[in-house]
């Protein structure tokens, strides 16, 4: 019996010490670092502009291009042209009514809304100067060519409104101010207000049903 035990012990020692006799556990690769989103730079396609995050007063994009009669950043303009062309091929037509606006143009618009509706209502439907996404050159307001429900919530129920709600993300656009998110975005539902963020991010936000603030991890911005 002692001989058997000694043999087993010697065999175990040889197994443990013999080169290559056992495999070390594979080392798992470190997880890939999550992409860092630049939501601070005005030139970033995921720049967040809201009631808490103004743009530089004199900011103007340097690569504006025509997008159906309104100026947008070149990348967004190309995506918009592709989107409207492919929508038209399916019998859905839309027109751009507003793209890039300067800070001064936004000021005139906001003053007009304030004079017509009062400041509280104006703040729910229009950005104060310096706080408008339109100044980034990445936002476009669209409408039906015949003006049906132009700049009204009922635009969502029209053919064009329904089409962009289902398809805009494939071209890099999101509906920036969705229904039910007023407490996050600070604005009433605007189914006509599209914001370019790039196809990858747009699809992620669309599928998750999140706002831009939620996507980049910023707090809600319901007020100034």
Protein backbone atom coordinates (compact mmCIF):
# COMPACT_ATOMS: atom_id res chain seq x y z
CA UNK A 1 0.00 0.00 0.00
CA UNK A 2 2.87 2.35 0.88
CA UNK A 3 4.44 1.66 -2.53
CA UNK A 4 1.17 2.58 -4.30
CA UNK A 5 0.87 5.84 -2.38
CA UNK A 6 4.46 6.78 -3.18
CA UNK A 7 3.93 6.07 -6.87
CA UNK A 8 0.76 8.15 -6.98
CA UNK A 9 2.52 11.01 -5.17
CA UNK A 10 5.51 10.91 -7.55
CA UNK A 11 3.19 10.82 -10.55
CA UNK A 12 1.33 13.88 -9.30
CA UNK A 13 4.58 15.78 -8.74
CA UNK A 14 5.77 14.93 -12.27
CA UNK A 15 2.42 16.07 -13.74
CA UNK A 16 2.54 19.40 -11.93
CA UNK A 17 6.17 20.15 -12.78
CA UNK A 18 6.36 18.82 -16.35
CA UNK A 19 6.41 21.73 -18.88
CA UNK A 20 3.17 21.97 -20.81
CA UNK A 21 1.46 19.43 -18.61
CA UNK A 22 -1.37 21.83 -17.85
CA UNK A 23 -2.91 24.86 -19.56
CA UNK A 24 -3.18 28.17 -17.84
CA UNK A 25 -6.66 29.71 -17.92
CA UNK A 26 -7.07 32.05 -20.84
CA UNK A 27 -6.80 35.71 -19.96
CA UNK A 28 -9.96 37.56 -20.90
CA UNK A 29 -9.45 40.64 -22.99
CA UNK A 30 -10.23 43.93 -21.23
CA UNK A 31 -13.62 45.29 -22.21
CA UNK A 32 -13.56 47.80 -25.02
CA UNK A 33 -13.76 51.35 -23.77
CA UNK A 34 -17.14 52.93 -24.29
CA UNK A 35 -17.20 55.64 -26.91
CA UNK A 36 -16.99 59.10 -25.40
CA UNK A 37 -19.65 61.35 -26.83
CA UNK A 38 -18.70 64.98 -27.40
CA UNK A 39 -21.91 66.75 -26.50
CA UNK A 40 -20.18 70.01 -25.54
CA UNK A 41 -18.62 71.17 -28.80
CA UNK A 42 -21.02 73.14 -31.04
CA UNK A 43 -19.47 71.37 -34.03
CA UNK A 44 -20.28 67.89 -32.72
CA UNK A 45 -23.22 66.09 -34.31
CA UNK A 46 -24.36 65.10 -30.81
CA UNK A 47 -24.00 68.58 -29.30
CA UNK A 48 -26.70 69.12 -26.71
CA UNK A 49 -28.31 72.55 -26.81
CA UNK A 50 -31.21 73.15 -24.46
CA UNK A 51 -32.47 75.58 -21.83
CA UNK A 52 -29.50 74.80 -19.60
CA UNK A 53 -26.85 74.57 -22.32
CA UNK A 54 -26.50 77.64 -24.58
CA UNK A 55 -24.32 78.02 -27.64
CA UNK A 56 -21.72 80.75 -28.05
CA UNK A 57 -23.72 83.81 -29.08
CA UNK A 58 -21.87 84.26 -32.37
CA UNK A 59 -21.64 80.58 -33.35
CA UNK A 60 -22.13 79.85 -37.06
CA UNK A 61 -21.31 76.44 -38.63
CA UNK A 62 -18.63 76.63 -41.30
CA UNK A 63 -19.99 73.92 -43.61
CA UNK A 64 -23.57 74.98 -44.34
CA UNK A 65 -25.16 73.42 -47.41
CA UNK A 66 -28.55 73.59 -49.09
CA UNK A 67 -31.14 71.09 -47.90
CA UNK A 68 -34.29 71.56 -49.87
CA UNK A 69 -34.21 75.34 -49.66
CA UNK A 70 -32.89 75.75 -46.10
CA UNK A 71 -29.26 75.67 -44.88
CA UNK A 72 -27.98 72.76 -42.79
CA UNK A 73 -24.57 71.42 -41.90
CA UNK A 74 -23.20 69.53 -44.92
CA UNK A 75 -23.56 66.07 -43.36
CA UNK A 76 -27.11 66.75 -42.20
CA UNK A 77 -28.04 68.34 -45.54
CA UNK A 78 -26.87 65.28 -47.46
CA UNK A 79 -28.82 63.00 -45.12
CA UNK A 80 -31.91 65.18 -45.47
CA UNK A 81 -31.74 65.14 -49.28
CA UNK A 82 -31.41 61.36 -49.26
CA UNK A 83 -34.28 60.95 -46.81
CA UNK A 84 -36.71 63.14 -48.73
CA UNK A 85 -35.78 61.53 -52.05
CA UNK A 86 -36.40 58.04 -50.73
CA UNK A 87 -39.61 59.12 -49.02
CA UNK A 88 -40.82 60.66 -52.28
CA UNK A 89 -40.09 57.39 -54.07
CA UNK A 90 -42.68 55.76 -51.79
CA UNK A 91 -45.21 58.54 -52.38
CA UNK A 92 -44.49 60.53 -49.21
CA UNK A 93 -43.60 64.18 -49.74
CA UNK A 94 -42.30 66.78 -47.30
CA UNK A 95 -40.69 70.18 -47.43
CA UNK A 96 -38.15 71.94 -45.23
CA UNK A 97 -39.47 75.14 -43.67
CA UNK A 98 -36.61 76.05 -41.34
CA UNK A 99 -32.98 75.05 -40.95
CA UNK A 100 -30.02 77.01 -39.60
CA UNK A 101 -30.83 80.26 -37.81
CA UNK A 102 -28.42 82.83 -36.45
CA UNK A 103 -28.72 83.99 -32.85
CA UNK A 104 -30.19 87.28 -34.08
CA UNK A 105 -32.83 85.50 -36.16
CA UNK A 106 -33.77 83.38 -33.14
CA UNK A 107 -34.04 86.52 -31.05
CA UNK A 108 -36.53 88.08 -33.46
CA UNK A 109 -38.57 84.87 -33.53
CA UNK A 110 -38.63 84.55 -29.74
CA UNK A 111 -39.65 88.19 -29.30
CA UNK A 112 -42.47 87.64 -31.79
CA UNK A 113 -43.74 84.58 -29.90
CA UNK A 114 -43.47 86.38 -26.57
CA UNK A 115 -45.49 89.30 -27.90
CA UNK A 116 -48.17 86.99 -29.28
CA UNK A 117 -48.45 84.39 -26.50
CA UNK A 118 -46.66 85.69 -23.41
CA UNK A 119 -43.33 84.51 -22.07
CA UNK A 120 -44.51 81.29 -20.40
CA UNK A 121 -46.13 79.98 -23.58
CA UNK A 122 -43.28 81.28 -25.73
CA UNK A 123 -40.76 79.34 -23.62
CA UNK A 124 -42.71 76.13 -24.26
CA UNK A 125 -42.65 76.50 -28.03
CA UNK A 126 -39.61 78.60 -28.87
CA UNK A 127 -36.01 78.75 -27.66
CA UNK A 128 -34.50 81.93 -26.34
CA UNK A 129 -31.62 83.27 -28.43
CA UNK A 130 -28.48 81.19 -27.95
CA UNK A 131 -30.48 78.15 -26.82
CA UNK A 132 -31.86 77.02 -30.18
CA UNK A 133 -30.80 73.80 -31.87
CA UNK A 134 -31.36 75.54 -35.19
CA UNK A 135 -28.21 77.56 -34.57
CA UNK A 136 -26.18 74.32 -34.71
CA UNK A 137 -27.22 73.75 -38.33
CA UNK A 138 -28.32 70.23 -37.37
CA UNK A 139 -32.05 70.86 -36.87
CA UNK A 140 -34.70 71.08 -39.56
CA UNK A 141 -38.42 71.76 -39.31
CA UNK A 142 -40.43 69.93 -41.94
CA UNK A 143 -44.00 70.22 -43.22
CA UNK A 144 -46.41 68.79 -45.71
CA UNK A 145 -46.04 70.58 -49.05
CA UNK A 146 -49.69 71.72 -48.86
CA UNK A 147 -49.21 73.12 -45.35
CA UNK A 148 -51.50 70.64 -43.60
CA UNK A 149 -50.86 70.79 -39.83
CA UNK A 150 -47.74 72.89 -40.37
CA UNK A 151 -45.89 73.39 -37.07
CA UNK A 152 -48.78 71.76 -35.21
CA UNK A 153 -48.94 68.58 -33.15
CA UNK A 154 -51.40 67.10 -35.65
CA UNK A 155 -48.49 66.88 -38.11
CA UNK A 156 -47.72 63.56 -36.41
CA UNK A 157 -50.96 62.13 -37.82
CA UNK A 158 -50.24 63.11 -41.41
CA UNK A 159 -48.54 60.84 -43.92
CA UNK A 160 -45.27 62.76 -43.75
CA UNK A 161 -45.33 62.92 -39.96
CA UNK A 162 -46.01 59.22 -39.63
CA UNK A 163 -43.28 58.37 -42.14
CA UNK A 164 -40.54 60.34 -40.41
CA UNK A 165 -41.53 58.94 -37.00
CA UNK A 166 -40.93 55.45 -38.39
CA UNK A 167 -38.01 56.07 -40.73
CA UNK A 168 -36.05 59.24 -39.94
CA UNK A 169 -33.59 57.35 -37.72
CA UNK A 170 -32.30 55.42 -40.75
CA UNK A 171 -31.01 58.73 -42.11
CA UNK A 172 -29.56 59.98 -38.83
CA UNK A 173 -32.49 62.09 -37.59
CA UNK A 174 -34.52 61.92 -34.39
CA UNK A 175 -37.73 63.66 -33.40
CA UNK A 176 -36.03 65.90 -30.88
CA UNK A 177 -39.08 66.86 -28.82
CA UNK A 178 -41.30 63.77 -28.54
CA UNK A 179 -44.69 63.61 -26.88
CA UNK A 180 -44.52 62.94 -23.16
CA UNK A 181 -40.96 64.20 -22.79
CA UNK A 182 -41.73 67.83 -22.06
CA UNK A 183 -40.36 67.47 -18.52
CA UNK A 184 -37.03 66.36 -20.02
CA UNK A 185 -36.64 68.55 -23.09
CA UNK A 186 -38.46 71.66 -21.87
CA UNK A 187 -40.54 71.91 -25.04
CA UNK A 188 -43.98 70.88 -26.20
CA UNK A 189 -44.29 67.97 -28.61
CA UNK A 190 -42.86 68.98 -31.99
CA UNK A 191 -43.24 66.06 -34.43
CA UNK A 192 -41.93 68.29 -37.22
CA UNK A 193 -38.62 69.20 -35.52
CA UNK A 194 -35.92 66.77 -36.66
CA UNK A 195 -32.41 66.77 -35.27
CA UNK A 196 -29.46 65.14 -37.01
CA UNK A 197 -27.22 63.01 -34.76
CA UNK A 198 -25.94 60.37 -37.21
CA UNK A 199 -27.50 57.02 -38.09
CA UNK A 200 -25.94 54.93 -35.31
CA UNK A 201 -27.04 57.23 -32.51
CA UNK A 202 -30.42 57.96 -34.10
CA UNK A 203 -31.26 54.27 -34.36
CA UNK A 204 -30.19 53.65 -30.79
CA UNK A 205 -32.34 56.51 -29.47
CA UNK A 206 -35.30 55.54 -31.63
CA UNK A 207 -35.21 51.90 -30.54
CA UNK A 208 -34.80 52.81 -26.86
CA UNK A 209 -37.34 55.64 -26.98
CA UNK A 210 -34.94 58.05 -25.29
CA UNK A 211 -34.37 61.77 -25.63
CA UNK A 212 -30.97 63.24 -26.48
CA UNK A 213 -30.52 64.31 -22.86
CA UNK A 214 -31.10 60.77 -21.64
CA UNK A 215 -28.88 59.27 -24.33
CA UNK A 216 -25.81 61.28 -23.35
CA UNK A 217 -26.57 61.11 -19.62
CA UNK A 218 -27.42 64.76 -19.00
CA UNK A 219 -30.08 65.95 -16.55
CA UNK A 220 -33.47 67.15 -17.71
CA UNK A 221 -33.73 70.77 -18.83
CA UNK A 222 -37.34 71.82 -18.36
CA UNK A 223 -36.51 75.46 -17.70
CA UNK A 224 -33.87 78.16 -17.87
